[in-house]
Amino acid sequence: MNELLVAFKQTKYKVPGHGPRNLHVLKKALMDLEDQMESEMYGKGKIIVEFHEKMANFLGKEAAVFFPSGTMAQQIALRIWCDQKGIKRAAYHPLSHLEIHEENGLKELHQIETVLLADKNRVIEFEDVVGMEEEVACLLLELPQREIGGQLPDYSTLEAISAYCKEKGIKLHLDGARLLEILPYYEKTASEVCSLFDSVYISFYKGIGGIAGAILAGDTSFIEESKVWKRRHGGDLISLYPYFLSADYYFDKRVGKMEQYYAEAKELAHFYNQCDGVSTIPQVPVSNMFHVHFDAPAKVMEIILADIYKESGIGLSAYVREVSKTASYFEIGIGDLYAEVPDDELIEAFKLLDKKMKSRNELHKRD
């Protein structure tokens, strides 16, 4: 275990997230439920049907189904749209989760070719979609675009892309792993955003903080077909109730807090941007998440941050990743813990960060 992680774990207050992912997260979600409540079996049963209906209504779709993972749900969604169109080709951002985190699952399991839209450092714009030379069955938009700090296109751009896809017969799928987190920025309801898309996926362990799992939503025929593919993928466990019951619990607990997390993220980003050699992407967050960049190597930042944690008792991040030999970054997502950090102690931690970065940068210039 590296020194930064050790120092982070020993801090009195931690800035990101909802807290440790330990057994208590599951026990808390289940503790008030009746012992005699019957579980579902293979996706059937009153409790899971009610959960599906609740999520479908929230997202403004005809139907919804719970999946053990978003990876499974999204590959299946794109497979269905490609089969319907008779074109084994889908488009998405170069840094889409499907492209960089799934071991080429879409290509190896489903033989679906991909078209990468836009430069990797920016979001997909309307012109990128109109300018596609290849014919595709489906376009996937990730909102927010996580790998570039959670950036978002303008809502008018989403409306334009949606209208264009309908006109051209291209199915539009929403990678909404963090859909709930962007609603305060767009000032829209989930169903309003989802109305622009033919299918939607949301995660239950990002801003919601559940154990695992995802919802896939769309029209009834699409969802019924997705259930067949879920069985083919081995996603029909005999019982999924530890996952969807905890998802339901934390959904109710946190869905109404997204505006608070968003406001706190903007406040925190402001603190970072006041420090020497530190900047955030986006400069002003558009959700509860953003990236923090340092004009210093990861190894240097690990030492600086660990010292700050020991002196202040405030943990900013458990890790730092290398961008280059002279730059590094980490991602931060605001949850329940941020509100517990005393304002004066947080400010002192950032004064320390600014002081240590100035000292480091001055020495670096002399060298």
Protein backbone atom coordinates (compact mmCIF):
# COMPACT_ATOMS: atom_id res chain seq x y z
CA MET A 1 0.00 0.00 0.00
CA ASN A 2 1.54 3.33 -1.05
CA GLU A 3 2.16 6.21 1.32
CA LEU A 4 -0.55 8.43 -0.17
CA LEU A 5 -3.27 5.81 0.26
CA VAL A 6 -2.14 5.11 3.83
CA ALA A 7 -2.20 8.82 4.66
CA PHE A 8 -5.63 9.22 3.03
CA LYS A 9 -7.13 6.35 5.02
CA GLN A 10 -5.83 7.86 8.26
CA THR A 11 -7.39 11.32 7.73
CA LYS A 12 -10.24 12.47 9.92
CA TYR A 13 -12.23 13.92 7.01
CA LYS A 14 -12.33 12.71 3.43
CA VAL A 15 -13.53 15.03 0.67
CA PRO A 16 -14.74 12.71 -2.15
CA GLY A 17 -17.48 10.10 -2.24
CA HIS A 18 -20.00 8.71 0.20
CA GLY A 19 -17.64 6.74 2.44
CA PRO A 20 -15.88 3.37 2.45
CA ARG A 21 -17.33 0.56 0.31
CA ASN A 22 -17.57 -1.98 3.10
CA LEU A 23 -20.18 -4.49 4.26
CA HIS A 24 -22.02 -1.77 6.16
CA VAL A 25 -23.21 -0.31 2.83
CA LEU A 26 -25.17 -3.49 2.13
CA LYS A 27 -26.30 -4.07 5.73
CA LYS A 28 -27.65 -0.52 5.99
CA ALA A 29 -29.71 -0.94 2.82
CA LEU A 30 -31.29 -4.20 3.99
CA MET A 31 -31.61 -3.73 7.76
CA ASP A 32 -35.19 -2.40 7.76
CA LEU A 33 -36.61 -4.97 5.33
CA GLU A 34 -38.73 -7.88 6.50
CA ASP A 35 -36.88 -11.16 6.92
CA GLN A 36 -39.72 -13.03 5.24
CA MET A 37 -39.68 -10.90 2.08
CA GLU A 38 -39.47 -13.28 -0.87
CA SER A 39 -36.62 -12.73 -3.28
CA GLU A 40 -37.12 -12.65 -7.02
CA MET A 41 -35.98 -15.63 -9.08
CA TYR A 42 -34.32 -15.22 -12.45
CA GLY A 43 -35.62 -11.68 -12.80
CA LYS A 44 -39.23 -12.56 -11.94
CA GLY A 45 -41.19 -11.68 -8.82
CA LYS A 46 -43.20 -8.85 -7.31
CA ILE A 47 -40.32 -6.92 -5.74
CA ILE A 48 -38.21 -6.70 -8.88
CA VAL A 49 -41.20 -5.97 -11.14
CA GLU A 50 -42.13 -3.03 -8.90
CA PHE A 51 -38.54 -1.77 -9.04
CA HIS A 52 -38.51 -2.02 -12.84
CA GLU A 53 -41.76 -0.05 -13.06
CA LYS A 54 -40.43 2.60 -10.69
CA MET A 55 -37.27 3.11 -12.78
CA ALA A 56 -39.17 3.11 -16.08
CA ASN A 57 -41.51 5.81 -14.77
CA PHE A 58 -38.61 7.88 -13.46
CA LEU A 59 -36.81 7.71 -16.80
CA GLY A 60 -39.98 8.28 -18.83
CA LYS A 61 -39.70 4.97 -20.70
CA GLU A 62 -42.19 2.16 -21.32
CA ALA A 63 -40.11 -0.48 -19.60
CA ALA A 64 -36.87 -1.12 -17.72
CA VAL A 65 -34.82 -4.09 -16.56
CA PHE A 66 -32.08 -4.47 -13.95
CA PHE A 67 -28.67 -5.74 -15.07
CA PRO A 68 -25.79 -6.84 -12.83
CA SER A 69 -23.46 -4.54 -14.76
CA GLY A 70 -23.58 -1.57 -17.11
CA THR A 71 -20.99 -3.25 -19.34
CA MET A 72 -23.45 -6.05 -20.04
CA ALA A 73 -26.43 -3.70 -20.45
CA GLN A 74 -24.76 -1.39 -22.95
CA GLN A 75 -23.24 -4.07 -25.15
CA ILE A 76 -26.67 -5.68 -25.37
CA ALA A 77 -28.37 -2.38 -26.18
CA LEU A 78 -26.03 -1.75 -29.10
CA ARG A 79 -26.36 -5.36 -30.28
CA ILE A 80 -30.15 -5.05 -30.43
CA TRP A 81 -30.05 -1.80 -32.41
CA CYS A 82 -27.44 -3.19 -34.81
CA ASP A 83 -29.49 -6.36 -35.39
CA GLN A 84 -32.64 -4.35 -36.05
CA LYS A 85 -30.91 -2.12 -38.58
CA GLY A 86 -28.94 -4.95 -40.16
CA ILE A 87 -25.75 -2.91 -39.83
CA LYS A 88 -23.03 -4.12 -37.45
CA ARG A 89 -21.64 -0.65 -36.78
CA ALA A 90 -22.04 1.81 -33.87
CA ALA A 91 -20.56 5.23 -33.17
CA TYR A 92 -19.29 6.73 -29.93
CA HIS A 93 -16.57 8.88 -28.37
CA PRO A 94 -12.92 7.68 -28.57
CA LEU A 95 -12.80 7.53 -24.76
CA SER A 96 -16.09 5.72 -24.32
CA HIS A 97 -16.09 3.04 -21.63
CA LEU A 98 -16.87 0.48 -24.33
CA GLU A 99 -13.73 1.45 -26.23
CA ILE A 100 -11.14 1.62 -23.45
CA HIS A 101 -12.38 -0.39 -20.45
CA GLU A 102 -14.14 -3.50 -21.78
CA GLU A 103 -11.38 -5.53 -23.47
CA ASN A 104 -13.05 -5.01 -26.87
CA GLY A 105 -16.16 -6.83 -25.65
CA LEU A 106 -18.44 -5.20 -28.22
CA LYS A 107 -16.18 -6.30 -31.06
CA GLU A 108 -15.22 -9.75 -29.78
CA LEU A 109 -18.61 -10.86 -28.44
CA HIS A 110 -20.88 -9.12 -30.94
CA GLN A 111 -18.67 -8.44 -33.98
CA ILE A 112 -19.79 -4.81 -33.98
CA GLU A 113 -17.49 -2.32 -35.68
CA THR A 114 -17.08 1.08 -34.08
CA VAL A 115 -16.85 4.57 -35.47
CA LEU A 116 -15.00 6.98 -33.17
CA LEU A 117 -16.41 10.51 -33.23
CA ALA A 118 -14.72 13.78 -32.21
CA ASP A 119 -11.28 14.52 -30.85
CA LYS A 120 -10.64 12.61 -27.63
CA ASN A 121 -10.24 15.83 -25.61
CA ARG A 122 -13.72 17.23 -26.32
CA VAL A 123 -17.34 16.11 -26.40
CA ILE A 124 -19.20 14.97 -29.50
CA GLU A 125 -20.81 17.92 -31.27
CA PHE A 126 -23.61 18.04 -33.85
CA GLU A 127 -21.13 18.56 -36.69
CA ASP A 128 -19.35 15.31 -35.78
CA VAL A 129 -22.58 13.36 -36.15
CA VAL A 130 -23.61 15.02 -39.42
CA GLY A 131 -20.10 14.52 -40.78
CA MET A 132 -20.05 10.73 -40.28
CA GLU A 133 -19.10 9.04 -43.54
CA GLU A 134 -19.92 5.50 -42.39
CA GLU A 135 -23.48 4.28 -42.02
CA VAL A 136 -24.19 3.27 -38.42
CA ALA A 137 -27.09 1.59 -36.66
CA CYS A 138 -26.63 3.38 -33.38
CA LEU A 139 -24.94 6.37 -31.80
CA LEU A 140 -23.97 6.28 -28.11
CA LEU A 141 -23.59 9.51 -26.17
CA GLU A 142 -22.01 9.47 -22.71
CA LEU A 143 -23.35 12.19 -20.41
CA PRO A 144 -21.14 13.40 -18.83
CA GLN A 145 -17.98 12.37 -20.70
CA ARG A 146 -16.12 10.95 -17.75
CA GLU A 147 -12.59 10.54 -19.15
CA ILE A 148 -12.32 14.25 -19.98
CA GLY A 149 -13.45 15.50 -16.60
CA GLY A 150 -17.18 15.04 -17.01
CA GLN A 151 -17.69 17.59 -19.79
CA LEU A 152 -21.12 18.01 -21.39
CA PRO A 153 -22.48 19.31 -24.69
CA ASP A 154 -25.07 22.09 -24.65
CA TYR A 155 -28.62 20.82 -24.26
CA SER A 156 -29.53 22.37 -27.62
CA THR A 157 -26.81 20.18 -29.16
CA LEU A 158 -28.44 17.08 -27.68
CA GLU A 159 -31.79 18.14 -29.13
CA ALA A 160 -30.23 18.69 -32.55
CA ILE A 161 -28.43 15.33 -32.51
CA SER A 162 -31.62 13.56 -31.40
CA ALA A 163 -33.68 15.13 -34.19
CA TYR A 164 -31.01 14.29 -36.78
CA CYS A 165 -30.80 10.66 -35.65
CA LYS A 166 -34.56 10.27 -35.84
CA GLU A 167 -34.54 11.72 -39.34
CA LYS A 168 -31.76 9.37 -40.47
CA GLY A 169 -33.05 6.25 -38.71
CA ILE A 170 -30.08 6.09 -36.33
CA LYS A 171 -30.91 4.79 -32.86
CA LEU A 172 -29.62 7.01 -30.07
CA HIS A 173 -28.44 5.36 -26.86
CA LEU A 174 -27.59 7.20 -23.64
CA ASP A 175 -24.66 6.06 -21.53
CA GLY A 176 -26.16 7.72 -18.50
CA ALA A 177 -23.97 6.12 -15.86
CA ARG A 178 -24.05 9.54 -14.19
CA LEU A 179 -27.36 10.78 -15.62
CA LEU A 180 -28.74 11.87 -12.26
CA GLU A 181 -25.66 13.97 -11.57
CA ILE A 182 -26.09 16.14 -14.69
CA LEU A 183 -29.77 17.02 -14.20
CA PRO A 184 -29.06 20.11 -12.03
CA TYR A 185 -26.79 21.58 -14.72
CA TYR A 186 -29.28 21.01 -17.54
CA GLU A 187 -32.18 22.00 -15.26
CA LYS A 188 -34.15 19.08 -16.71
CA THR A 189 -35.87 16.02 -15.30
CA ALA A 190 -34.53 12.56 -16.06
CA SER A 191 -37.51 11.84 -18.30
CA GLU A 192 -36.94 15.06 -20.26
CA VAL A 193 -33.35 14.12 -21.02
CA CYS A 194 -34.23 10.49 -21.73
CA SER A 195 -36.99 11.51 -24.16
CA LEU A 196 -34.21 12.43 -26.60
CA PHE A 197 -32.89 8.84 -26.59
CA ASP A 198 -34.21 5.48 -27.78
CA SER A 199 -32.53 3.58 -24.96
CA VAL A 200 -30.95 4.58 -21.66
CA TYR A 201 -28.56 3.03 -19.15
CA ILE A 202 -27.99 4.33 -15.63
CA SER A 203 -25.62 3.09 -12.93
CA PHE A 204 -26.40 2.51 -9.27
CA TYR A 205 -22.89 2.72 -7.83
CA LYS A 206 -21.66 6.09 -9.15
CA GLY A 207 -23.41 9.08 -7.54
CA ILE A 208 -26.04 6.80 -6.04
CA GLY A 209 -23.45 4.78 -4.13
CA GLY A 210 -25.13 1.37 -4.30
CA ILE A 211 -23.40 -2.01 -4.37
CA ALA A 212 -23.50 -2.72 -8.10
CA GLY A 213 -25.87 -2.94 -11.01
CA ALA A 214 -27.58 -0.93 -13.71
CA ILE A 215 -30.92 -0.22 -15.33
CA LEU A 216 -31.55 -0.43 -19.05
CA ALA A 217 -34.71 1.34 -20.22
CA GLY A 218 -36.54 1.78 -23.51
CA ASP A 219 -39.72 0.69 -25.25
CA THR A 220 -41.33 -2.61 -24.28
CA SER A 221 -40.15 -4.64 -27.30
CA PHE A 222 -36.56 -3.44 -26.81
CA ILE A 223 -36.56 -4.39 -23.12
CA GLU A 224 -38.10 -7.80 -23.80
CA GLU A 225 -35.35 -8.51 -26.31
CA SER A 226 -32.72 -7.28 -23.84
CA LYS A 227 -33.95 -9.87 -21.33
CA VAL A 228 -33.21 -12.63 -23.84
CA TRP A 229 -29.71 -11.29 -24.31
CA LYS A 230 -29.28 -10.95 -20.55
CA ARG A 231 -29.91 -14.68 -20.24
CA ARG A 232 -27.44 -15.36 -23.05
CA HIS A 233 -24.81 -13.29 -21.26
CA GLY A 234 -25.32 -15.16 -17.99
CA GLY A 235 -26.84 -12.10 -16.34
CA ASP A 236 -29.92 -13.93 -15.06
CA LEU A 237 -28.62 -14.89 -11.64
CA ILE A 238 -31.06 -16.93 -9.59
CA SER A 239 -31.45 -13.88 -7.32
CA LEU A 240 -30.30 -10.30 -7.73
CA TYR A 241 -32.04 -8.88 -4.66
CA PRO A 242 -28.91 -7.80 -2.71
CA TYR A 243 -28.09 -5.57 -5.68
CA PHE A 244 -31.42 -4.08 -6.71
CA LEU A 245 -32.76 -3.68 -3.17
CA SER A 246 -29.64 -1.74 -2.18
CA ALA A 247 -29.88 0.19 -5.47
CA ASP A 248 -33.46 1.13 -4.62
CA TYR A 249 -32.50 2.17 -1.08
CA TYR A 250 -29.62 4.43 -2.11
CA PHE A 251 -31.57 5.81 -5.07
CA ASP A 252 -34.27 7.06 -2.70
CA LYS A 253 -31.64 8.31 -0.25
CA ARG A 254 -29.58 10.32 -2.76
CA VAL A 255 -31.60 11.15 -5.86
CA GLY A 256 -32.72 14.39 -4.21
CA LYS A 257 -29.16 15.40 -3.24
CA MET A 258 -27.74 15.86 -6.74
CA GLU A 259 -28.21 19.63 -6.69
CA GLN A 260 -26.33 19.80 -3.38
CA TYR A 261 -23.45 17.69 -4.74
CA TYR A 262 -23.30 19.87 -7.87
CA ALA A 263 -23.08 23.10 -5.84
CA GLU A 264 -20.40 21.58 -3.60
CA ALA A 265 -18.39 20.43 -6.63
CA LYS A 266 -18.34 23.99 -7.99
CA GLU A 267 -17.20 25.28 -4.60
CA LEU A 268 -14.44 22.67 -4.35
CA ALA A 269 -13.21 23.32 -7.90
CA HIS A 270 -12.94 27.01 -7.03
CA PHE A 271 -10.65 26.12 -4.09
CA TYR A 272 -8.41 24.04 -6.36
CA ASN A 273 -8.21 26.69 -9.07
CA GLN A 274 -6.94 29.25 -6.56
CA CYS A 275 -3.84 27.12 -5.87
CA ASP A 276 -0.55 27.61 -7.70
CA GLY A 277 0.02 25.03 -10.44
CA VAL A 278 -3.41 23.46 -9.98
CA SER A 279 -6.38 23.55 -12.35
CA THR A 280 -9.62 21.68 -12.90
CA ILE A 281 -11.32 20.29 -15.99
CA PRO A 282 -13.89 21.63 -16.48
CA GLN A 283 -12.86 24.87 -14.78
CA VAL A 284 -16.44 25.13 -13.51
CA PRO A 285 -17.88 21.62 -13.08
CA VAL A 286 -21.11 20.66 -14.83
CA SER A 287 -21.89 17.79 -12.46
CA ASN A 288 -20.64 16.44 -9.13
CA MET A 289 -17.41 15.20 -10.75
CA PHE A 290 -14.34 16.81 -12.31
CA HIS A 291 -10.61 16.25 -12.82
CA VAL A 292 -7.88 18.02 -10.84
CA HIS A 293 -4.61 18.62 -12.76
CA PHE A 294 -1.20 19.45 -11.27
CA ASP A 295 1.87 20.97 -12.89
CA ALA A 296 4.01 18.34 -11.18
CA PRO A 297 4.77 14.62 -11.64
CA ALA A 298 2.61 12.03 -9.91
CA LYS A 299 5.44 10.94 -7.56
CA VAL A 300 5.96 14.53 -6.42
CA MET A 301 2.23 15.07 -5.87
CA GLU A 302 1.95 11.88 -3.84
CA ILE A 303 4.50 13.27 -1.39
CA ILE A 304 2.92 16.74 -1.28
CA LEU A 305 -0.60 15.42 -0.77
CA ALA A 306 0.44 12.87 1.86
CA ASP A 307 2.13 15.68 3.84
CA ILE A 308 -1.04 17.80 3.59
CA TYR A 309 -3.18 14.92 4.84
CA LYS A 310 -0.93 14.39 7.85
CA GLU A 311 -0.83 18.09 8.72
CA SER A 312 -4.50 18.93 8.11
CA GLY A 313 -6.40 15.70 8.65
CA ILE A 314 -8.18 16.34 5.34
CA GLY A 315 -8.02 13.70 2.58
CA LEU A 316 -8.39 15.08 -0.95
CA SER A 317 -7.76 11.92 -3.00
CA ALA A 318 -6.45 8.41 -2.42
CA TYR A 319 -4.42 8.41 -5.63
CA VAL A 320 -2.68 10.50 -8.30
CA ARG A 321 -2.22 9.40 -11.91
CA GLU A 322 0.54 10.33 -14.30
CA VAL A 323 -0.28 12.46 -17.34
CA SER A 324 3.34 13.06 -18.38
CA LYS A 325 6.76 13.42 -16.78
CA THR A 326 5.76 16.91 -15.62
CA ALA A 327 2.01 16.61 -14.98
CA SER A 328 -0.50 14.50 -13.08
CA TYR A 329 -4.17 14.42 -12.12
CA PHE A 330 -6.94 12.73 -10.19
CA GLU A 331 -10.70 12.49 -10.55
CA ILE A 332 -13.05 13.58 -7.82
CA GLY A 333 -16.73 12.94 -7.26
CA ILE A 334 -18.71 14.69 -4.56
CA GLY A 335 -21.01 12.68 -2.31
CA ASP A 336 -22.23 12.71 1.27
CA LEU A 337 -18.79 13.12 2.86
CA TYR A 338 -18.10 16.64 1.60
CA ALA A 339 -20.77 18.22 3.80
CA GLU A 340 -19.10 16.70 6.88
CA VAL A 341 -15.80 18.54 6.33
CA PRO A 342 -15.54 21.70 8.49
CA ASP A 343 -15.20 24.78 6.26
CA ASP A 344 -12.31 26.29 8.20
CA GLU A 345 -10.28 23.07 8.16
CA LEU A 346 -10.91 22.59 4.44
CA ILE A 347 -9.72 26.13 3.71
CA GLU A 348 -6.57 25.51 5.75
CA ALA A 349 -5.88 22.35 3.74
CA PHE A 350 -6.03 24.36 0.51
CA LYS A 351 -3.77 27.03 1.95
CA LEU A 352 -1.29 24.24 2.61
CA LEU A 353 -1.68 22.94 -0.94
CA ASP A 354 -1.11 26.40 -2.41
CA LYS A 355 1.93 26.99 -0.19
CA LYS A 356 3.54 23.64 -0.99
CA MET A 357 2.88 23.98 -4.73
CA LYS A 358 4.39 27.49 -4.79
CA SER A 359 7.44 26.28 -2.90
CA ARG A 360 7.85 23.30 -5.21
CA ASN A 361 7.40 25.35 -8.38
CA GLU A 362 9.86 28.01 -7.25
CA LEU A 363 12.50 25.37 -6.57
CA HIS A 364 11.73 23.74 -9.90
CA LYS A 365 12.26 27.03 -11.77
CA ARG A 366 15.66 27.51 -10.14
CA ASP A 367 16.72 24.06 -11.25
